[in-house]
Amino acid sequence: DAQRRADENLDHDSPLHELFEDQLATAD
């Protein structure tokens, strides 16, 4: 969140990070 506030070009970081976590949460 601090990165996102500091740099508007990083708005995508949060959803991409959640996607990364979701792909791991479903992994065998």
mmCIF file of all heavy atoms, coordinates in Angstrom:
data_MODEL
# 
_entry.id   MODEL 
# 
loop_
_atom_site.group_PDB 
_atom_site.id 
_atom_site.type_symbol 
_atom_site.label_atom_id 
_atom_site.label_alt_id 
_atom_site.label_comp_id 
_atom_site.label_asym_id 
_atom_site.label_entity_id 
_atom_site.label_seq_id 
_atom_site.pdbx_PDB_ins_code 
_atom_site.Cartn_x 
_atom_site.Cartn_y 
_atom_site.Cartn_z 
_atom_site.occupancy 
_atom_site.B_iso_or_equiv 
_atom_site.pdbx_formal_charge 
_atom_site.auth_seq_id 
_atom_site.auth_comp_id 
_atom_site.auth_asym_id 
_atom_site.auth_atom_id 
_atom_site.pdbx_PDB_model_num 
ATOM 1   N N   . ASP A 1 1  ? 0.831  -1.202  0.000   1.00 0.00 ? 1  ASP A N   1 
ATOM 2   C CA  . ASP A 1 1  ? 0.000  0.000   0.000   1.00 0.00 ? 1  ASP A CA  1 
ATOM 3   C C   . ASP A 1 1  ? 0.869  1.258   0.000   1.00 0.00 ? 1  ASP A C   1 
ATOM 4   O O   . ASP A 1 1  ? 0.556  2.244   -0.667  1.00 0.00 ? 1  ASP A O   1 
ATOM 5   C CB  . ASP A 1 1  ? -0.921 -0.009  1.224   1.00 0.00 ? 1  ASP A CB  1 
ATOM 6   C CG  . ASP A 1 1  ? -1.928 1.120   1.184   1.00 0.00 ? 1  ASP A CG  1 
ATOM 7   O OD1 . ASP A 1 1  ? -2.699 1.197   0.202   1.00 0.00 ? 1  ASP A OD1 1 
ATOM 8   O OD2 . ASP A 1 1  ? -1.943 1.936   2.121   1.00 0.00 ? 1  ASP A OD2 1 
ATOM 9   N N   . ALA A 1 2  ? 1.991  1.200   0.715   1.00 0.00 ? 2  ALA A N   1 
ATOM 10  C CA  . ALA A 1 2  ? 2.890  2.356   0.744   1.00 0.00 ? 2  ALA A CA  1 
ATOM 11  C C   . ALA A 1 2  ? 3.503  2.591   -0.637  1.00 0.00 ? 2  ALA A C   1 
ATOM 12  O O   . ALA A 1 2  ? 3.626  3.727   -1.091  1.00 0.00 ? 2  ALA A O   1 
ATOM 13  C CB  . ALA A 1 2  ? 3.990  2.137   1.784   1.00 0.00 ? 2  ALA A CB  1 
ATOM 14  N N   . GLN A 1 3  ? 3.859  1.506   -1.318  1.00 0.00 ? 3  GLN A N   1 
ATOM 15  C CA  . GLN A 1 3  ? 4.396  1.639   -2.670  1.00 0.00 ? 3  GLN A CA  1 
ATOM 16  C C   . GLN A 1 3  ? 3.358  2.242   -3.613  1.00 0.00 ? 3  GLN A C   1 
ATOM 17  O O   . GLN A 1 3  ? 3.669  3.075   -4.451  1.00 0.00 ? 3  GLN A O   1 
ATOM 18  C CB  . GLN A 1 3  ? 4.838  0.277   -3.196  1.00 0.00 ? 3  GLN A CB  1 
ATOM 19  C CG  . GLN A 1 3  ? 6.109  -0.243  -2.569  1.00 0.00 ? 3  GLN A CG  1 
ATOM 20  C CD  . GLN A 1 3  ? 6.452  -1.613  -3.118  1.00 0.00 ? 3  GLN A CD  1 
ATOM 21  O OE1 . GLN A 1 3  ? 5.583  -2.432  -3.379  1.00 0.00 ? 3  GLN A OE1 1 
ATOM 22  N NE2 . GLN A 1 3  ? 7.730  -1.870  -3.293  1.00 0.00 ? 3  GLN A NE2 1 
ATOM 23  N N   . ARG A 1 4  ? 2.115  1.802   -3.456  1.00 0.00 ? 4  ARG A N   1 
ATOM 24  C CA  . ARG A 1 4  ? 1.067  2.303   -4.337  1.00 0.00 ? 4  ARG A CA  1 
ATOM 25  C C   . ARG A 1 4  ? 0.835  3.788   -4.124  1.00 0.00 ? 4  ARG A C   1 
ATOM 26  O O   . ARG A 1 4  ? 0.638  4.548   -5.068  1.00 0.00 ? 4  ARG A O   1 
ATOM 27  C CB  . ARG A 1 4  ? -0.221 1.511   -4.106  1.00 0.00 ? 4  ARG A CB  1 
ATOM 28  C CG  . ARG A 1 4  ? -1.309 1.823   -5.124  1.00 0.00 ? 4  ARG A CG  1 
ATOM 29  C CD  . ARG A 1 4  ? -2.481 0.880   -5.005  1.00 0.00 ? 4  ARG A CD  1 
ATOM 30  N NE  . ARG A 1 4  ? -3.099 0.973   -3.710  1.00 0.00 ? 4  ARG A NE  1 
ATOM 31  C CZ  . ARG A 1 4  ? -3.363 -0.070  -2.928  1.00 0.00 ? 4  ARG A CZ  1 
ATOM 32  N NH1 . ARG A 1 4  ? -3.019 -1.269  -3.309  1.00 0.00 ? 4  ARG A NH1 1 
ATOM 33  N NH2 . ARG A 1 4  ? -3.948 0.091   -1.769  1.00 0.00 ? 4  ARG A NH2 1 
ATOM 34  N N   . ARG A 1 5  ? 0.848  4.212   -2.875  1.00 0.00 ? 5  ARG A N   1 
ATOM 35  C CA  . ARG A 1 5  ? 0.635  5.633   -2.579  1.00 0.00 ? 5  ARG A CA  1 
ATOM 36  C C   . ARG A 1 5  ? 1.805  6.469   -3.085  1.00 0.00 ? 5  ARG A C   1 
ATOM 37  O O   . ARG A 1 5  ? 1.634  7.601   -3.523  1.00 0.00 ? 5  ARG A O   1 
ATOM 38  C CB  . ARG A 1 5  ? 0.463  5.845   -1.072  1.00 0.00 ? 5  ARG A CB  1 
ATOM 39  C CG  . ARG A 1 5  ? -0.868 5.348   -0.520  1.00 0.00 ? 5  ARG A CG  1 
ATOM 40  C CD  . ARG A 1 5  ? -1.120 5.953   0.849   1.00 0.00 ? 5  ARG A CD  1 
ATOM 41  N NE  . ARG A 1 5  ? 0.007  5.722   1.757   1.00 0.00 ? 5  ARG A NE  1 
ATOM 42  C CZ  . ARG A 1 5  ? 0.111  4.672   2.569   1.00 0.00 ? 5  ARG A CZ  1 
ATOM 43  N NH1 . ARG A 1 5  ? -0.826 3.750   2.559   1.00 0.00 ? 5  ARG A NH1 1 
ATOM 44  N NH2 . ARG A 1 5  ? 1.150  4.544   3.371   1.00 0.00 ? 5  ARG A NH2 1 
ATOM 45  N N   . ALA A 1 6  ? 3.016  5.895   -3.013  1.00 0.00 ? 6  ALA A N   1 
ATOM 46  C CA  . ALA A 1 6  ? 4.204  6.660   -3.397  1.00 0.00 ? 6  ALA A CA  1 
ATOM 47  C C   . ALA A 1 6  ? 4.363  6.765   -4.910  1.00 0.00 ? 6  ALA A C   1 
ATOM 48  O O   . ALA A 1 6  ? 4.953  7.716   -5.406  1.00 0.00 ? 6  ALA A O   1 
ATOM 49  C CB  . ALA A 1 6  ? 5.452  6.021   -2.785  1.00 0.00 ? 6  ALA A CB  1 
ATOM 50  N N   . ASP A 1 7  ? 3.836  5.793   -5.636  1.00 0.00 ? 7  ASP A N   1 
ATOM 51  C CA  . ASP A 1 7  ? 4.035  5.773   -7.084  1.00 0.00 ? 7  ASP A CA  1 
ATOM 52  C C   . ASP A 1 7  ? 2.748  5.309   -7.747  1.00 0.00 ? 7  ASP A C   1 
ATOM 53  O O   . ASP A 1 7  ? 2.382  4.138   -7.651  1.00 0.00 ? 7  ASP A O   1 
ATOM 54  C CB  . ASP A 1 7  ? 5.191  4.836   -7.443  1.00 0.00 ? 7  ASP A CB  1 
ATOM 55  C CG  . ASP A 1 7  ? 5.559  4.900   -8.923  1.00 0.00 ? 7  ASP A CG  1 
ATOM 56  O OD1 . ASP A 1 7  ? 4.760  5.432   -9.712  1.00 0.00 ? 7  ASP A OD1 1 
ATOM 57  O OD2 . ASP A 1 7  ? 6.636  4.406   -9.273  1.00 0.00 ? 7  ASP A OD2 1 
ATOM 58  N N   . GLU A 1 8  ? 2.060  6.230   -8.405  1.00 0.00 ? 8  GLU A N   1 
ATOM 59  C CA  . GLU A 1 8  ? 0.785  5.870   -9.018  1.00 0.00 ? 8  GLU A CA  1 
ATOM 60  C C   . GLU A 1 8  ? 0.953  4.831   -10.126 1.00 0.00 ? 8  GLU A C   1 
ATOM 61  O O   . GLU A 1 8  ? -0.011 4.170   -10.525 1.00 0.00 ? 8  GLU A O   1 
ATOM 62  C CB  . GLU A 1 8  ? 0.095  7.108   -9.587  1.00 0.00 ? 8  GLU A CB  1 
ATOM 63  C CG  . GLU A 1 8  ? 0.861  7.812   -10.693 1.00 0.00 ? 8  GLU A CG  1 
ATOM 64  C CD  . GLU A 1 8  ? 0.147  9.046   -11.194 1.00 0.00 ? 8  GLU A CD  1 
ATOM 65  O OE1 . GLU A 1 8  ? -0.873 9.405   -10.580 1.00 0.00 ? 8  GLU A OE1 1 
ATOM 66  O OE2 . GLU A 1 8  ? 0.605  9.645   -12.181 1.00 0.00 ? 8  GLU A OE2 1 
ATOM 67  N N   . ASN A 1 9  ? 2.145  4.656   -10.634 1.00 0.00 ? 9  ASN A N   1 
ATOM 68  C CA  . ASN A 1 9  ? 2.380  3.642   -11.652 1.00 0.00 ? 9  ASN A CA  1 
ATOM 69  C C   . ASN A 1 9  ? 2.347  2.227   -11.091 1.00 0.00 ? 9  ASN A C   1 
ATOM 70  O O   . ASN A 1 9  ? 2.399  1.254   -11.854 1.00 0.00 ? 9  ASN A O   1 
ATOM 71  C CB  . ASN A 1 9  ? 3.728  3.876   -12.330 1.00 0.00 ? 9  ASN A CB  1 
ATOM 72  C CG  . ASN A 1 9  ? 3.724  5.124   -13.194 1.00 0.00 ? 9  ASN A CG  1 
ATOM 73  O OD1 . ASN A 1 9  ? 2.718  5.454   -13.804 1.00 0.00 ? 9  ASN A OD1 1 
ATOM 74  N ND2 . ASN A 1 9  ? 4.853  5.817   -13.230 1.00 0.00 ? 9  ASN A ND2 1 
ATOM 75  N N   . LEU A 1 10 ? 2.276  2.082   -9.768  1.00 0.00 ? 10 LEU A N   1 
ATOM 76  C CA  . LEU A 1 10 ? 2.256  0.761   -9.150  1.00 0.00 ? 10 LEU A CA  1 
ATOM 77  C C   . LEU A 1 10 ? 0.873  0.364   -8.682  1.00 0.00 ? 10 LEU A C   1 
ATOM 78  O O   . LEU A 1 10 ? 0.717  -0.506  -7.849  1.00 0.00 ? 10 LEU A O   1 
ATOM 79  C CB  . LEU A 1 10 ? 3.242  0.723   -7.970  1.00 0.00 ? 10 LEU A CB  1 
ATOM 80  C CG  . LEU A 1 10 ? 4.709  0.929   -8.336  1.00 0.00 ? 10 LEU A CG  1 
ATOM 81  C CD1 . LEU A 1 10 ? 5.579  0.915   -7.083  1.00 0.00 ? 10 LEU A CD1 1 
ATOM 82  C CD2 . LEU A 1 10 ? 5.175  -0.143  -9.305  1.00 0.00 ? 10 LEU A CD2 1 
ATOM 83  N N   . ASP A 1 11 ? -0.159 0.979   -9.240  1.00 0.00 ? 11 ASP A N   1 
ATOM 84  C CA  . ASP A 1 11 ? -1.523 0.630   -8.859  1.00 0.00 ? 11 ASP A CA  1 
ATOM 85  C C   . ASP A 1 11 ? -1.832 -0.846  -9.078  1.00 0.00 ? 11 ASP A C   1 
ATOM 86  O O   . ASP A 1 11 ? -2.687 -1.409  -8.413  1.00 0.00 ? 11 ASP A O   1 
ATOM 87  C CB  . ASP A 1 11 ? -2.533 1.473   -9.641  1.00 0.00 ? 11 ASP A CB  1 
ATOM 88  C CG  . ASP A 1 11 ? -2.625 2.893   -9.116  1.00 0.00 ? 11 ASP A CG  1 
ATOM 89  O OD1 . ASP A 1 11 ? -2.148 3.140   -7.999  1.00 0.00 ? 11 ASP A OD1 1 
ATOM 90  O OD2 . ASP A 1 11 ? -3.175 3.735   -9.828  1.00 0.00 ? 11 ASP A OD2 1 
ATOM 91  N N   . HIS A 1 12 ? -1.147 -1.469  -10.033 1.00 0.00 ? 12 HIS A N   1 
ATOM 92  C CA  . HIS A 1 12 ? -1.429 -2.858  -10.353 1.00 0.00 ? 12 HIS A CA  1 
ATOM 93  C C   . HIS A 1 12 ? -0.830 -3.835  -9.357  1.00 0.00 ? 12 HIS A C   1 
ATOM 94  O O   . HIS A 1 12 ? -1.149 -5.021  -9.394  1.00 0.00 ? 12 HIS A O   1 
ATOM 95  C CB  . HIS A 1 12 ? -0.898 -3.195  -11.751 1.00 0.00 ? 12 HIS A CB  1 
ATOM 96  C CG  . HIS A 1 12 ? 0.585  -3.040  -11.862 1.00 0.00 ? 12 HIS A CG  1 
ATOM 97  N ND1 . HIS A 1 12 ? 1.187  -1.843  -12.162 1.00 0.00 ? 12 HIS A ND1 1 
ATOM 98  C CD2 . HIS A 1 12 ? 1.582  -3.931  -11.704 1.00 0.00 ? 12 HIS A CD2 1 
ATOM 99  C CE1 . HIS A 1 12 ? 2.500  -2.008  -12.187 1.00 0.00 ? 12 HIS A CE1 1 
ATOM 100 N NE2 . HIS A 1 12 ? 2.767  -3.252  -11.916 1.00 0.00 ? 12 HIS A NE2 1 
ATOM 101 N N   . ASP A 1 13 ? 0.038  -3.394  -8.462  1.00 0.00 ? 13 ASP A N   1 
ATOM 102 C CA  . ASP A 1 13 ? 0.743  -4.345  -7.602  1.00 0.00 ? 13 ASP A CA  1 
ATOM 103 C C   . ASP A 1 13 ? -0.197 -5.144  -6.706  1.00 0.00 ? 13 ASP A C   1 
ATOM 104 O O   . ASP A 1 13 ? -0.016 -6.345  -6.524  1.00 0.00 ? 13 ASP A O   1 
ATOM 105 C CB  . ASP A 1 13 ? 1.757  -3.601  -6.721  1.00 0.00 ? 13 ASP A CB  1 
ATOM 106 C CG  . ASP A 1 13 ? 3.069  -3.380  -7.461  1.00 0.00 ? 13 ASP A CG  1 
ATOM 107 O OD1 . ASP A 1 13 ? 3.098  -3.651  -8.672  1.00 0.00 ? 13 ASP A OD1 1 
ATOM 108 O OD2 . ASP A 1 13 ? 4.033  -2.928  -6.829  1.00 0.00 ? 13 ASP A OD2 1 
ATOM 109 N N   . SER A 1 14 ? -1.191 -4.472  -6.122  1.00 0.00 ? 14 SER A N   1 
ATOM 110 C CA  . SER A 1 14 ? -2.063 -5.181  -5.193  1.00 0.00 ? 14 SER A CA  1 
ATOM 111 C C   . SER A 1 14 ? -2.850 -6.303  -5.866  1.00 0.00 ? 14 SER A C   1 
ATOM 112 O O   . SER A 1 14 ? -2.802 -7.437  -5.413  1.00 0.00 ? 14 SER A O   1 
ATOM 113 C CB  . SER A 1 14 ? -3.008 -4.200  -4.484  1.00 0.00 ? 14 SER A CB  1 
ATOM 114 O OG  . SER A 1 14 ? -3.828 -4.903  -3.571  1.00 0.00 ? 14 SER A OG  1 
ATOM 115 N N   . PRO A 1 15 ? -3.559 -6.063  -6.972  1.00 0.00 ? 15 PRO A N   1 
ATOM 116 C CA  . PRO A 1 15 ? -4.283 -7.173  -7.588  1.00 0.00 ? 15 PRO A CA  1 
ATOM 117 C C   . PRO A 1 15 ? -3.368 -8.266  -8.114  1.00 0.00 ? 15 PRO A C   1 
ATOM 118 O O   . PRO A 1 15 ? -3.707 -9.437  -8.048  1.00 0.00 ? 15 PRO A O   1 
ATOM 119 C CB  . PRO A 1 15 ? -5.075 -6.527  -8.721  1.00 0.00 ? 15 PRO A CB  1 
ATOM 120 C CG  . PRO A 1 15 ? -4.447 -5.195  -8.940  1.00 0.00 ? 15 PRO A CG  1 
ATOM 121 C CD  . PRO A 1 15 ? -3.888 -4.787  -7.621  1.00 0.00 ? 15 PRO A CD  1 
ATOM 122 N N   . LEU A 1 16 ? -2.203 -7.912  -8.636  1.00 0.00 ? 16 LEU A N   1 
ATOM 123 C CA  . LEU A 1 16 ? -1.290 -8.931  -9.113  1.00 0.00 ? 16 LEU A CA  1 
ATOM 124 C C   . LEU A 1 16 ? -0.775 -9.786  -7.961  1.00 0.00 ? 16 LEU A C   1 
ATOM 125 O O   . LEU A 1 16 ? -0.613 -10.999 -8.082  1.00 0.00 ? 16 LEU A O   1 
ATOM 126 C CB  . LEU A 1 16 ? -0.119 -8.290  -9.860  1.00 0.00 ? 16 LEU A CB  1 
ATOM 127 C CG  . LEU A 1 16 ? -0.445 -7.627  -11.196 1.00 0.00 ? 16 LEU A CG  1 
ATOM 128 C CD1 . LEU A 1 16 ? 0.822  -7.108  -11.848 1.00 0.00 ? 16 LEU A CD1 1 
ATOM 129 C CD2 . LEU A 1 16 ? -1.165 -8.583  -12.114 1.00 0.00 ? 16 LEU A CD2 1 
ATOM 130 N N   . HIS A 1 17 ? -0.534 -9.156  -6.844  1.00 0.00 ? 17 HIS A N   1 
ATOM 131 C CA  . HIS A 1 17 ? -0.063 -9.907  -5.683  1.00 0.00 ? 17 HIS A CA  1 
ATOM 132 C C   . HIS A 1 17 ? -1.150 -10.855 -5.188  1.00 0.00 ? 17 HIS A C   1 
ATOM 133 O O   . HIS A 1 17 ? -0.880 -12.005 -4.834  1.00 0.00 ? 17 HIS A O   1 
ATOM 134 C CB  . HIS A 1 17 ? 0.347  -8.928  -4.573  1.00 0.00 ? 17 HIS A CB  1 
ATOM 135 C CG  . HIS A 1 17 ? 0.965  -9.596  -3.379  1.00 0.00 ? 17 HIS A CG  1 
ATOM 136 N ND1 . HIS A 1 17 ? 0.256  -9.855  -2.232  1.00 0.00 ? 17 HIS A ND1 1 
ATOM 137 C CD2 . HIS A 1 17 ? 2.210  -10.074 -3.168  1.00 0.00 ? 17 HIS A CD2 1 
ATOM 138 C CE1 . HIS A 1 17 ? 1.052  -10.457 -1.355  1.00 0.00 ? 17 HIS A CE1 1 
ATOM 139 N NE2 . HIS A 1 17 ? 2.236  -10.600 -1.903  1.00 0.00 ? 17 HIS A NE2 1 
ATOM 140 N N   . GLU A 1 18 ? -2.394 -10.388 -5.180  1.00 0.00 ? 18 GLU A N   1 
ATOM 141 C CA  . GLU A 1 18 ? -3.490 -11.258 -4.764  1.00 0.00 ? 18 GLU A CA  1 
ATOM 142 C C   . GLU A 1 18 ? -3.657 -12.422 -5.725  1.00 0.00 ? 18 GLU A C   1 
ATOM 143 O O   . GLU A 1 18 ? -3.934 -13.554 -5.315  1.00 0.00 ? 18 GLU A O   1 
ATOM 144 C CB  . GLU A 1 18 ? -4.787 -10.456 -4.661  1.00 0.00 ? 18 GLU A CB  1 
ATOM 145 C CG  . GLU A 1 18 ? -4.813 -9.491  -3.496  1.00 0.00 ? 18 GLU A CG  1 
ATOM 146 C CD  . GLU A 1 18 ? -6.127 -8.746  -3.399  1.00 0.00 ? 18 GLU A CD  1 
ATOM 147 O OE1 . GLU A 1 18 ? -7.027 -9.018  -4.229  1.00 0.00 ? 18 GLU A OE1 1 
ATOM 148 O OE2 . GLU A 1 18 ? -6.263 -7.904  -2.492  1.00 0.00 ? 18 GLU A OE2 1 
ATOM 149 N N   . LEU A 1 19 ? -3.499 -12.163 -7.002  1.00 0.00 ? 19 LEU A N   1 
ATOM 150 C CA  . LEU A 1 19 ? -3.587 -13.231 -7.990  1.00 0.00 ? 19 LEU A CA  1 
ATOM 151 C C   . LEU A 1 19 ? -2.492 -14.257 -7.762  1.00 0.00 ? 19 LEU A C   1 
ATOM 152 O O   . LEU A 1 19 ? -2.736 -15.471 -7.813  1.00 0.00 ? 19 LEU A O   1 
ATOM 153 C CB  . LEU A 1 19 ? -3.484 -12.646 -9.399  1.00 0.00 ? 19 LEU A CB  1 
ATOM 154 C CG  . LEU A 1 19 ? -3.421 -13.631 -10.563 1.00 0.00 ? 19 LEU A CG  1 
ATOM 155 C CD1 . LEU A 1 19 ? -4.628 -14.552 -10.554 1.00 0.00 ? 19 LEU A CD1 1 
ATOM 156 C CD2 . LEU A 1 19 ? -3.327 -12.884 -11.878 1.00 0.00 ? 19 LEU A CD2 1 
ATOM 157 N N   . PHE A 1 20 ? -1.287 -13.804 -7.500  1.00 0.00 ? 20 PHE A N   1 
ATOM 158 C CA  . PHE A 1 20 ? -0.171 -14.692 -7.204  1.00 0.00 ? 20 PHE A CA  1 
ATOM 159 C C   . PHE A 1 20 ? -0.506 -15.582 -6.007  1.00 0.00 ? 20 PHE A C   1 
ATOM 160 O O   . PHE A 1 20 ? -0.306 -16.800 -6.031  1.00 0.00 ? 20 PHE A O   1 
ATOM 161 C CB  . PHE A 1 20 ? 1.071  -13.842 -6.933  1.00 0.00 ? 20 PHE A CB  1 
ATOM 162 C CG  . PHE A 1 20 ? 2.301  -14.623 -6.536  1.00 0.00 ? 20 PHE A CG  1 
ATOM 163 C CD1 . PHE A 1 20 ? 2.964  -15.409 -7.455  1.00 0.00 ? 20 PHE A CD1 1 
ATOM 164 C CD2 . PHE A 1 20 ? 2.805  -14.526 -5.246  1.00 0.00 ? 20 PHE A CD2 1 
ATOM 165 C CE1 . PHE A 1 20 ? 4.113  -16.117 -7.094  1.00 0.00 ? 20 PHE A CE1 1 
ATOM 166 C CE2 . PHE A 1 20 ? 3.947  -15.227 -4.880  1.00 0.00 ? 20 PHE A CE2 1 
ATOM 167 C CZ  . PHE A 1 20 ? 4.598  -16.024 -5.810  1.00 0.00 ? 20 PHE A CZ  1 
ATOM 168 N N   . GLU A 1 21 ? -1.060 -14.993 -4.956  1.00 0.00 ? 21 GLU A N   1 
ATOM 169 C CA  . GLU A 1 21 ? -1.420 -15.755 -3.772  1.00 0.00 ? 21 GLU A CA  1 
ATOM 170 C C   . GLU A 1 21 ? -2.529 -16.757 -4.061  1.00 0.00 ? 21 GLU A C   1 
ATOM 171 O O   . GLU A 1 21 ? -2.505 -17.896 -3.564  1.00 0.00 ? 21 GLU A O   1 
ATOM 172 C CB  . GLU A 1 21 ? -1.843 -14.798 -2.650  1.00 0.00 ? 21 GLU A CB  1 
ATOM 173 C CG  . GLU A 1 21 ? -0.698 -13.958 -2.104  1.00 0.00 ? 21 GLU A CG  1 
ATOM 174 C CD  . GLU A 1 21 ? -1.161 -12.951 -1.059  1.00 0.00 ? 21 GLU A CD  1 
ATOM 175 O OE1 . GLU A 1 21 ? -2.387 -12.709 -0.980  1.00 0.00 ? 21 GLU A OE1 1 
ATOM 176 O OE2 . GLU A 1 21 ? -0.305 -12.417 -0.338  1.00 0.00 ? 21 GLU A OE2 1 
ATOM 177 N N   . ASP A 1 22 ? -3.518 -16.349 -4.867  1.00 0.00 ? 22 ASP A N   1 
ATOM 178 C CA  . ASP A 1 22 ? -4.620 -17.249 -5.198  1.00 0.00 ? 22 ASP A CA  1 
ATOM 179 C C   . ASP A 1 22 ? -4.137 -18.446 -6.010  1.00 0.00 ? 22 ASP A C   1 
ATOM 180 O O   . ASP A 1 22 ? -4.622 -19.569 -5.847  1.00 0.00 ? 22 ASP A O   1 
ATOM 181 C CB  . ASP A 1 22 ? -5.704 -16.497 -5.968  1.00 0.00 ? 22 ASP A CB  1 
ATOM 182 C CG  . ASP A 1 22 ? -6.561 -15.612 -5.061  1.00 0.00 ? 22 ASP A CG  1 
ATOM 183 O OD1 . ASP A 1 22 ? -6.315 -15.627 -3.837  1.00 0.00 ? 22 ASP A OD1 1 
ATOM 184 O OD2 . ASP A 1 22 ? -7.460 -14.934 -5.573  1.00 0.00 ? 22 ASP A OD2 1 
ATOM 185 N N   . GLN A 1 23 ? -3.183 -18.217 -6.907  1.00 0.00 ? 23 GLN A N   1 
ATOM 186 C CA  . GLN A 1 23 ? -2.640 -19.323 -7.699  1.00 0.00 ? 23 GLN A CA  1 
ATOM 187 C C   . GLN A 1 23 ? -1.880 -20.306 -6.815  1.00 0.00 ? 23 GLN A C   1 
ATOM 188 O O   . GLN A 1 23 ? -1.887 -21.513 -7.065  1.00 0.00 ? 23 GLN A O   1 
ATOM 189 C CB  . GLN A 1 23 ? -1.747 -18.784 -8.808  1.00 0.00 ? 23 GLN A CB  1 
ATOM 190 C CG  . GLN A 1 23 ? -2.522 -18.058 -9.903  1.00 0.00 ? 23 GLN A CG  1 
ATOM 191 C CD  . GLN A 1 23 ? -1.625 -17.458 -10.965 1.00 0.00 ? 23 GLN A CD  1 
ATOM 192 O OE1 . GLN A 1 23 ? -0.416 -17.316 -10.754 1.00 0.00 ? 23 GLN A OE1 1 
ATOM 193 N NE2 . GLN A 1 23 ? -2.204 -17.094 -12.096 1.00 0.00 ? 23 GLN A NE2 1 
ATOM 194 N N   . LEU A 1 24 ? -1.232 -19.812 -5.764  1.00 0.00 ? 24 LEU A N   1 
ATOM 195 C CA  . LEU A 1 24 ? -0.537 -20.689 -4.828  1.00 0.00 ? 24 LEU A CA  1 
ATOM 196 C C   . LEU A 1 24 ? -1.504 -21.383 -3.881  1.00 0.00 ? 24 LEU A C   1 
ATOM 197 O O   . LEU A 1 24 ? -1.309 -22.550 -3.525  1.00 0.00 ? 24 LEU A O   1 
ATOM 198 C CB  . LEU A 1 24 ? 0.494  -19.898 -4.023  1.00 0.00 ? 24 LEU A CB  1 
ATOM 199 C CG  . LEU A 1 24 ? 1.719  -19.416 -4.805  1.00 0.00 ? 24 LEU A CG  1 
ATOM 200 C CD1 . LEU A 1 24 ? 2.587  -18.517 -3.926  1.00 0.00 ? 24 LEU A CD1 1 
ATOM 201 C CD2 . LEU A 1 24 ? 2.537  -20.591 -5.332  1.00 0.00 ? 24 LEU A CD2 1 
ATOM 202 N N   . ALA A 1 25 ? -2.567 -20.687 -3.486  1.00 0.00 ? 25 ALA A N   1 
ATOM 203 C CA  . ALA A 1 25 ? -3.519 -21.255 -2.531  1.00 0.00 ? 25 ALA A CA  1 
ATOM 204 C C   . ALA A 1 25 ? -4.250 -22.462 -3.092  1.00 0.00 ? 25 ALA A C   1 
ATOM 205 O O   . ALA A 1 25 ? -4.740 -23.307 -2.334  1.00 0.00 ? 25 ALA A O   1 
ATOM 206 C CB  . ALA A 1 25 ? -4.530 -20.187 -2.100  1.00 0.00 ? 25 ALA A CB  1 
ATOM 207 N N   . THR A 1 26 ? -4.339 -22.552 -4.408  1.00 0.00 ? 26 THR A N   1 
ATOM 208 C CA  . THR A 1 26 ? -5.048 -23.666 -5.033  1.00 0.00 ? 26 THR A CA  1 
ATOM 209 C C   . THR A 1 26 ? -4.114 -24.763 -5.528  1.00 0.00 ? 26 THR A C   1 
ATOM 210 O O   . THR A 1 26 ? -4.557 -25.754 -6.114  1.00 0.00 ? 26 THR A O   1 
ATOM 211 C CB  . THR A 1 26 ? -5.883 -23.163 -6.224  1.00 0.00 ? 26 THR A CB  1 
ATOM 212 O OG1 . THR A 1 26 ? -5.039 -22.442 -7.124  1.00 0.00 ? 26 THR A OG1 1 
ATOM 213 C CG2 . THR A 1 26 ? -6.993 -22.231 -5.745  1.00 0.00 ? 26 THR A CG2 1 
ATOM 214 N N   . ALA A 1 27 ? -2.813 -24.617 -5.295  1.00 0.00 ? 27 ALA A N   1 
ATOM 215 C CA  . ALA A 1 27 ? -1.825 -25.522 -5.899  1.00 0.00 ? 27 ALA A CA  1 
ATOM 216 C C   . ALA A 1 27 ? -1.706 -26.838 -5.146  1.00 0.00 ? 27 ALA A C   1 
ATOM 217 O O   . ALA A 1 27 ? -1.776 -26.899 -3.911  1.00 0.00 ? 27 ALA A O   1 
ATOM 218 C CB  . ALA A 1 27 ? -0.456 -24.834 -5.950  1.00 0.00 ? 27 ALA A CB  1 
ATOM 219 N N   . ASP A 1 28 ? -1.509 -27.912 -5.915  1.00 0.00 ? 28 ASP A N   1 
ATOM 220 C CA  . ASP A 1 28 ? -1.118 -29.211 -5.371  1.00 0.00 ? 28 ASP A CA  1 
ATOM 221 C C   . ASP A 1 28 ? 0.370  -29.445 -5.551  1.00 0.00 ? 28 ASP A C   1 
ATOM 222 O O   . ASP A 1 28 ? 0.969  -30.245 -4.840  1.00 0.00 ? 28 ASP A O   1 
ATOM 223 C CB  . ASP A 1 28 ? -1.894 -30.326 -6.085  1.00 0.00 ? 28 ASP A CB  1 
ATOM 224 C CG  . ASP A 1 28 ? -3.388 -30.212 -5.880  1.00 0.00 ? 28 ASP A CG  1 
ATOM 225 O OD1 . ASP A 1 28 ? -3.865 -30.584 -4.799  1.00 0.00 ? 28 ASP A OD1 1 
ATOM 226 O OD2 . ASP A 1 28 ? -4.071 -29.729 -6.805  1.00 0.00 ? 28 ASP A OD2 1 
# 
